[in-house]
Amino acid sequence: MKEVISTNNAPAAIGPYSQAVNIPNGLLAGTLYISGQIPVNPATGEMPEGITEQTRQSLANLGAILEEAGMKPKHVVKTTVFLSDMNNFAAMNEVYAQFFAGTDFPARAAVEVARLPKDALVEIEAIAIKG
């Protein structure tokens, strides 16, 4: 079984996927898979300028989905950060560290990609476990 997690406090999916999927039972019970979050403000549909604000918005979207699932940043065990330009790594990393401050940092991969949806500068996906 799987449980689809959806909130109006994060951008709606722009394709055939869910914002997140929770596994409520079985061996993986309490595991939440969060789809990649681009920096779209769910209230306006707009993206902020610059990597710092885009990272902040992507993480705010991720946080809203965590909250909808009854979780917090401390429950995140793995993230993948997709950057349109690896030169933005340091600025992204600064905002990322603030989001996870006070928690044990999750495992992470950060990669440069050729292009992201809506020409975003950053996209962040995560796996969280409650338990």
N, C-alpha and C. Protein backbone atom coordinates (compact mmCIF):
# COMPACT_ATOMS: atom_id res chain seq x y z
N MET A 1 0.84 -1.19 0.00
CA MET A 1 0.00 0.00 0.00
C MET A 1 0.88 1.24 0.00
N LYS A 2 0.33 2.28 -0.55
CA LYS A 2 0.99 3.58 -0.51
C LYS A 2 -0.06 4.64 -0.26
N GLU A 3 0.37 5.74 0.31
CA GLU A 3 -0.51 6.86 0.62
C GLU A 3 0.06 8.10 -0.06
N VAL A 4 -0.72 8.72 -0.91
CA VAL A 4 -0.29 9.94 -1.60
C VAL A 4 -0.41 11.12 -0.63
N ILE A 5 0.64 11.91 -0.54
CA ILE A 5 0.67 13.11 0.29
C ILE A 5 0.59 14.31 -0.64
N SER A 6 -0.34 15.22 -0.35
CA SER A 6 -0.52 16.42 -1.17
C SER A 6 -0.90 17.59 -0.28
N THR A 7 -0.34 18.75 -0.59
CA THR A 7 -0.66 19.96 0.15
C THR A 7 -0.72 21.14 -0.81
N ASN A 8 -1.59 22.09 -0.49
CA ASN A 8 -1.65 23.34 -1.26
C ASN A 8 -0.52 24.28 -0.90
N ASN A 9 0.26 23.94 0.14
CA ASN A 9 1.37 24.78 0.58
C ASN A 9 2.66 24.50 -0.17
N ALA A 10 2.59 23.63 -1.18
CA ALA A 10 3.69 23.36 -2.09
C ALA A 10 3.10 23.34 -3.49
N PRO A 11 3.91 23.57 -4.50
CA PRO A 11 3.37 23.60 -5.86
C PRO A 11 2.74 22.26 -6.25
N ALA A 12 1.66 22.34 -6.97
CA ALA A 12 1.02 21.13 -7.49
C ALA A 12 1.96 20.46 -8.49
N ALA A 13 1.84 19.16 -8.61
CA ALA A 13 2.64 18.43 -9.58
C ALA A 13 2.36 18.97 -10.98
N ILE A 14 3.41 19.09 -11.79
CA ILE A 14 3.24 19.61 -13.15
C ILE A 14 3.29 18.47 -14.17
N GLY A 15 3.06 17.26 -13.69
CA GLY A 15 3.04 16.09 -14.56
C GLY A 15 2.37 14.94 -13.86
N PRO A 16 2.50 13.74 -14.41
CA PRO A 16 1.85 12.57 -13.81
C PRO A 16 2.67 11.97 -12.66
N TYR A 17 2.73 12.70 -11.56
CA TYR A 17 3.43 12.25 -10.36
C TYR A 17 2.79 12.89 -9.15
N SER A 18 3.12 12.39 -7.96
CA SER A 18 2.60 12.92 -6.70
C SER A 18 3.66 13.79 -6.04
N GLN A 19 3.21 14.75 -5.23
CA GLN A 19 4.17 15.55 -4.46
C GLN A 19 5.03 14.63 -3.59
N ALA A 20 4.37 13.65 -2.97
CA ALA A 20 5.08 12.68 -2.13
C ALA A 20 4.24 11.43 -1.99
N VAL A 21 4.92 10.35 -1.66
CA VAL A 21 4.25 9.08 -1.39
C VAL A 21 4.79 8.54 -0.08
N ASN A 22 3.87 8.19 0.81
CA ASN A 22 4.21 7.63 2.11
C ASN A 22 3.90 6.13 2.08
N ILE A 23 4.75 5.37 2.74
CA ILE A 23 4.51 3.93 2.90
C ILE A 23 4.02 3.74 4.34
N PRO A 24 2.72 3.50 4.55
CA PRO A 24 2.17 3.45 5.90
C PRO A 24 2.34 2.11 6.62
N ASN A 25 2.57 1.03 5.87
CA ASN A 25 2.62 -0.30 6.49
C ASN A 25 3.79 -1.10 5.95
N GLY A 26 4.08 -2.19 6.64
CA GLY A 26 5.08 -3.13 6.16
C GLY A 26 6.50 -2.75 6.54
N LEU A 27 7.43 -3.38 5.86
CA LEU A 27 8.85 -3.21 6.15
C LEU A 27 9.31 -1.76 6.04
N LEU A 28 8.76 -1.01 5.10
CA LEU A 28 9.16 0.38 4.89
C LEU A 28 8.21 1.38 5.54
N ALA A 29 7.39 0.94 6.48
CA ALA A 29 6.41 1.81 7.13
C ALA A 29 7.06 3.08 7.66
N GLY A 30 6.41 4.20 7.40
CA GLY A 30 6.91 5.49 7.86
C GLY A 30 7.92 6.12 6.92
N THR A 31 8.10 5.56 5.73
CA THR A 31 9.04 6.13 4.76
C THR A 31 8.28 7.03 3.80
N LEU A 32 8.79 8.24 3.64
CA LEU A 32 8.17 9.24 2.77
C LEU A 32 9.14 9.57 1.64
N TYR A 33 8.66 9.46 0.42
CA TYR A 33 9.44 9.79 -0.77
C TYR A 33 8.88 11.09 -1.33
N ILE A 34 9.70 12.14 -1.30
CA ILE A 34 9.25 13.47 -1.76
C ILE A 34 9.82 13.74 -3.14
N SER A 35 8.93 14.03 -4.08
CA SER A 35 9.35 14.36 -5.44
C SER A 35 10.19 15.63 -5.44
N GLY A 36 10.98 15.78 -6.49
CA GLY A 36 11.81 16.97 -6.62
C GLY A 36 11.00 18.24 -6.54
N GLN A 37 11.47 19.16 -5.71
CA GLN A 37 10.78 20.43 -5.50
C GLN A 37 11.56 21.55 -6.17
N ILE A 38 10.94 22.15 -7.16
CA ILE A 38 11.53 23.34 -7.78
C ILE A 38 11.02 24.56 -7.01
N PRO A 39 11.64 25.71 -7.22
CA PRO A 39 11.33 26.88 -6.40
C PRO A 39 10.11 27.69 -6.84
N VAL A 40 9.01 27.03 -7.07
CA VAL A 40 7.78 27.73 -7.42
C VAL A 40 7.03 28.07 -6.13
N ASN A 41 6.70 29.33 -5.97
CA ASN A 41 5.90 29.76 -4.82
C ASN A 41 4.47 29.28 -5.07
N PRO A 42 3.93 28.43 -4.17
CA PRO A 42 2.59 27.88 -4.42
C PRO A 42 1.48 28.93 -4.40
N ALA A 43 1.70 30.05 -3.74
CA ALA A 43 0.68 31.10 -3.67
C ALA A 43 0.61 31.93 -4.95
N THR A 44 1.77 32.13 -5.58
CA THR A 44 1.82 33.02 -6.74
C THR A 44 2.10 32.29 -8.06
N GLY A 45 2.66 31.09 -7.98
CA GLY A 45 3.07 30.39 -9.18
C GLY A 45 4.36 30.91 -9.79
N GLU A 46 4.98 31.86 -9.11
CA GLU A 46 6.21 32.49 -9.61
C GLU A 46 7.45 31.87 -8.95
N MET A 47 8.60 32.04 -9.62
CA MET A 47 9.88 31.63 -9.05
C MET A 47 10.68 32.87 -8.69
N PRO A 48 11.33 32.86 -7.52
CA PRO A 48 12.18 33.99 -7.16
C PRO A 48 13.44 34.01 -8.02
N GLU A 49 14.15 35.10 -7.98
CA GLU A 49 15.40 35.25 -8.71
C GLU A 49 16.56 34.75 -7.86
N GLY A 50 17.57 34.22 -8.49
CA GLY A 50 18.83 33.89 -7.83
C GLY A 50 18.81 32.57 -7.08
N ILE A 51 19.98 31.97 -6.96
CA ILE A 51 20.10 30.65 -6.35
C ILE A 51 19.75 30.65 -4.87
N THR A 52 20.08 31.69 -4.13
CA THR A 52 19.79 31.72 -2.70
C THR A 52 18.29 31.66 -2.45
N GLU A 53 17.54 32.52 -3.10
CA GLU A 53 16.09 32.55 -2.91
C GLU A 53 15.41 31.33 -3.53
N GLN A 54 15.94 30.84 -4.63
CA GLN A 54 15.36 29.64 -5.22
C GLN A 54 15.58 28.42 -4.32
N THR A 55 16.75 28.32 -3.72
CA THR A 55 17.00 27.22 -2.79
C THR A 55 16.08 27.33 -1.59
N ARG A 56 15.93 28.53 -1.07
CA ARG A 56 15.05 28.76 0.08
C ARG A 56 13.61 28.33 -0.25
N GLN A 57 13.12 28.67 -1.44
CA GLN A 57 11.76 28.31 -1.83
C GLN A 57 11.62 26.80 -2.05
N SER A 58 12.60 26.18 -2.68
CA SER A 58 12.55 24.73 -2.88
C SER A 58 12.49 24.01 -1.54
N LEU A 59 13.28 24.46 -0.57
CA LEU A 59 13.27 23.84 0.76
C LEU A 59 11.99 24.16 1.53
N ALA A 60 11.42 25.33 1.32
CA ALA A 60 10.13 25.66 1.94
C ALA A 60 9.05 24.72 1.40
N ASN A 61 9.07 24.44 0.11
CA ASN A 61 8.13 23.51 -0.49
C ASN A 61 8.31 22.11 0.09
N LEU A 62 9.56 21.69 0.21
CA LEU A 62 9.86 20.39 0.81
C LEU A 62 9.36 20.35 2.25
N GLY A 63 9.59 21.43 3.00
CA GLY A 63 9.13 21.52 4.38
C GLY A 63 7.62 21.43 4.51
N ALA A 64 6.90 22.04 3.58
CA ALA A 64 5.43 21.99 3.61
C ALA A 64 4.93 20.56 3.40
N ILE A 65 5.60 19.83 2.54
CA ILE A 65 5.21 18.44 2.30
C ILE A 65 5.54 17.59 3.52
N LEU A 66 6.69 17.81 4.11
CA LEU A 66 7.04 17.10 5.35
C LEU A 66 5.97 17.34 6.41
N GLU A 67 5.59 18.60 6.58
CA GLU A 67 4.59 18.96 7.58
C GLU A 67 3.25 18.27 7.31
N GLU A 68 2.84 18.23 6.06
CA GLU A 68 1.59 17.57 5.69
C GLU A 68 1.62 16.09 6.06
N ALA A 69 2.81 15.50 6.00
CA ALA A 69 2.98 14.08 6.34
C ALA A 69 3.25 13.87 7.83
N GLY A 70 3.23 14.96 8.61
CA GLY A 70 3.49 14.84 10.04
C GLY A 70 4.97 14.67 10.37
N MET A 71 5.82 15.18 9.49
CA MET A 71 7.27 15.05 9.68
C MET A 71 7.93 16.42 9.72
N LYS A 72 9.22 16.42 10.03
CA LYS A 72 10.03 17.63 10.11
C LYS A 72 11.36 17.38 9.39
N PRO A 73 12.16 18.43 9.19
CA PRO A 73 13.46 18.23 8.56
C PRO A 73 14.33 17.16 9.24
N LYS A 74 14.19 16.99 10.54
CA LYS A 74 15.00 15.99 11.25
C LYS A 74 14.69 14.56 10.78
N HIS A 75 13.56 14.36 10.13
CA HIS A 75 13.20 13.03 9.64
C HIS A 75 13.81 12.70 8.27
N VAL A 76 14.40 13.70 7.60
CA VAL A 76 14.97 13.50 6.27
C VAL A 76 16.29 12.73 6.41
N VAL A 77 16.39 11.62 5.68
CA VAL A 77 17.59 10.80 5.73
C VAL A 77 18.43 10.91 4.46
N LYS A 78 17.84 11.36 3.36
CA LYS A 78 18.57 11.45 2.10
C LYS A 78 17.96 12.52 1.22
N THR A 79 18.81 13.32 0.61
CA THR A 79 18.36 14.29 -0.38
C THR A 79 19.20 14.16 -1.64
N THR A 80 18.63 14.63 -2.72
CA THR A 80 19.38 14.81 -3.96
C THR A 80 19.11 16.24 -4.41
N VAL A 81 20.19 16.97 -4.66
CA VAL A 81 20.09 18.36 -5.11
C VAL A 81 20.55 18.41 -6.56
N PHE A 82 19.69 18.93 -7.40
CA PHE A 82 20.00 19.09 -8.82
C PHE A 82 20.24 20.58 -9.06
N LEU A 83 21.40 20.91 -9.59
CA LEU A 83 21.77 22.30 -9.88
C LEU A 83 21.96 22.49 -11.37
N SER A 84 21.47 23.61 -11.88
CA SER A 84 21.69 23.91 -13.31
C SER A 84 23.11 24.39 -13.55
N ASP A 85 23.81 24.78 -12.48
CA ASP A 85 25.19 25.27 -12.58
C ASP A 85 25.91 24.96 -11.27
N MET A 86 26.93 24.12 -11.30
CA MET A 86 27.65 23.74 -10.09
C MET A 86 28.35 24.94 -9.45
N ASN A 87 28.49 26.03 -10.16
CA ASN A 87 29.04 27.26 -9.56
C ASN A 87 28.11 27.81 -8.48
N ASN A 88 26.86 27.36 -8.45
CA ASN A 88 25.90 27.79 -7.43
C ASN A 88 25.94 26.92 -6.18
N PHE A 89 26.84 25.94 -6.14
CA PHE A 89 26.88 24.99 -5.03
C PHE A 89 27.07 25.66 -3.67
N ALA A 90 28.02 26.56 -3.54
CA ALA A 90 28.31 27.18 -2.24
C ALA A 90 27.11 27.97 -1.72
N ALA A 91 26.46 28.74 -2.59
CA ALA A 91 25.30 29.53 -2.16
C ALA A 91 24.14 28.62 -1.79
N MET A 92 23.91 27.57 -2.57
CA MET A 92 22.86 26.60 -2.24
C MET A 92 23.18 25.94 -0.90
N ASN A 93 24.41 25.55 -0.72
CA ASN A 93 24.83 24.83 0.48
C ASN A 93 24.61 25.66 1.75
N GLU A 94 24.79 26.95 1.66
CA GLU A 94 24.58 27.84 2.82
C GLU A 94 23.12 27.82 3.26
N VAL A 95 22.20 27.94 2.32
CA VAL A 95 20.77 27.92 2.63
C VAL A 95 20.36 26.52 3.11
N TYR A 96 20.87 25.50 2.46
CA TYR A 96 20.59 24.11 2.81
C TYR A 96 21.01 23.84 4.27
N ALA A 97 22.18 24.30 4.65
CA ALA A 97 22.67 24.11 6.03
C ALA A 97 21.75 24.79 7.04
N GLN A 98 21.22 25.97 6.70
CA GLN A 98 20.29 26.66 7.60
C GLN A 98 18.99 25.87 7.76
N PHE A 99 18.48 25.28 6.67
CA PHE A 99 17.23 24.52 6.72
C PHE A 99 17.36 23.31 7.65
N PHE A 100 18.51 22.64 7.60
CA PHE A 100 18.72 21.45 8.41
C PHE A 100 19.47 21.73 9.71
N ALA A 101 19.65 23.01 10.06
CA ALA A 101 20.36 23.37 11.30
C ALA A 101 19.68 22.73 12.50
N GLY A 102 20.50 22.24 13.43
CA GLY A 102 19.96 21.64 14.64
C GLY A 102 19.58 20.18 14.47
N THR A 103 19.82 19.62 13.29
CA THR A 103 19.54 18.20 13.05
C THR A 103 20.83 17.54 12.58
N ASP A 104 20.85 16.23 12.61
CA ASP A 104 21.93 15.53 11.94
C ASP A 104 21.65 15.67 10.45
N PHE A 105 22.64 16.12 9.70
CA PHE A 105 22.43 16.35 8.28
C PHE A 105 22.14 15.03 7.56
N PRO A 106 21.21 15.05 6.61
CA PRO A 106 20.92 13.83 5.85
C PRO A 106 22.06 13.51 4.88
N ALA A 107 22.09 12.27 4.41
CA ALA A 107 22.98 11.93 3.31
C ALA A 107 22.54 12.75 2.10
N ARG A 108 23.47 13.03 1.18
CA ARG A 108 23.10 13.89 0.06
C ARG A 108 23.97 13.63 -1.15
N ALA A 109 23.37 13.79 -2.29
CA ALA A 109 24.09 13.88 -3.56
C ALA A 109 23.73 15.22 -4.16
N ALA A 110 24.71 15.86 -4.80
CA ALA A 110 24.45 17.12 -5.50
C ALA A 110 25.09 17.00 -6.88
N VAL A 111 24.28 17.23 -7.90
CA VAL A 111 24.76 17.05 -9.26
C VAL A 111 24.33 18.23 -10.13
N GLU A 112 25.14 18.50 -11.14
CA GLU A 112 24.78 19.50 -12.14
C GLU A 112 24.04 18.79 -13.27
N VAL A 113 22.97 19.40 -13.71
CA VAL A 113 22.18 18.85 -14.80
C VAL A 113 22.08 19.88 -15.92
N ALA A 114 21.75 19.43 -17.10
CA ALA A 114 21.69 20.32 -18.26
C ALA A 114 20.57 21.34 -18.14
N ARG A 115 19.42 20.91 -17.59
CA ARG A 115 18.28 21.81 -17.52
C ARG A 115 17.27 21.26 -16.52
N LEU A 116 16.57 22.15 -15.84
CA LEU A 116 15.54 21.78 -14.89
C LEU A 116 14.19 22.31 -15.36
N PRO A 117 13.08 21.72 -14.87
CA PRO A 117 11.76 22.22 -15.25
C PRO A 117 11.63 23.72 -14.98
N LYS A 118 10.97 24.39 -15.90
CA LYS A 118 10.73 25.83 -15.82
C LYS A 118 12.02 26.63 -15.73
N ASP A 119 13.13 26.02 -16.16
CA ASP A 119 14.46 26.64 -16.12
C ASP A 119 14.87 27.07 -14.72
N ALA A 120 14.43 26.33 -13.72
CA ALA A 120 14.84 26.58 -12.33
C ALA A 120 16.35 26.40 -12.21
N LEU A 121 16.91 27.03 -11.19
CA LEU A 121 18.33 26.89 -10.91
C LEU A 121 18.61 25.70 -9.99
N VAL A 122 17.58 25.23 -9.26
CA VAL A 122 17.75 24.16 -8.29
C VAL A 122 16.47 23.34 -8.17
N GLU A 123 16.63 22.06 -7.89
CA GLU A 123 15.52 21.17 -7.57
C GLU A 123 16.02 20.23 -6.48
N ILE A 124 15.19 19.97 -5.48
CA ILE A 124 15.61 19.13 -4.36
C ILE A 124 14.55 18.07 -4.09
N GLU A 125 14.99 16.79 -4.04
CA GLU A 125 14.10 15.69 -3.67
C GLU A 125 14.61 15.09 -2.36
N ALA A 126 13.75 14.34 -1.67
CA ALA A 126 14.14 13.82 -0.36
C ALA A 126 13.43 12.52 -0.03
N ILE A 127 14.06 11.79 0.87
CA ILE A 127 13.45 10.62 1.50
C ILE A 127 13.50 10.89 3.00
N ALA A 128 12.36 10.69 3.66
CA ALA A 128 12.27 10.90 5.10
C ALA A 128 11.71 9.65 5.75
N ILE A 129 12.12 9.40 6.98
CA ILE A 129 11.63 8.26 7.73
C ILE A 129 11.19 8.72 9.11
N LYS A 130 9.96 8.38 9.46
CA LYS A 130 9.43 8.73 10.78
C LYS A 130 9.47 7.47 11.65
N GLY A 131 10.14 7.60 12.75
CA GLY A 131 10.19 6.43 13.62
C GLY A 131 11.18 6.57 14.72
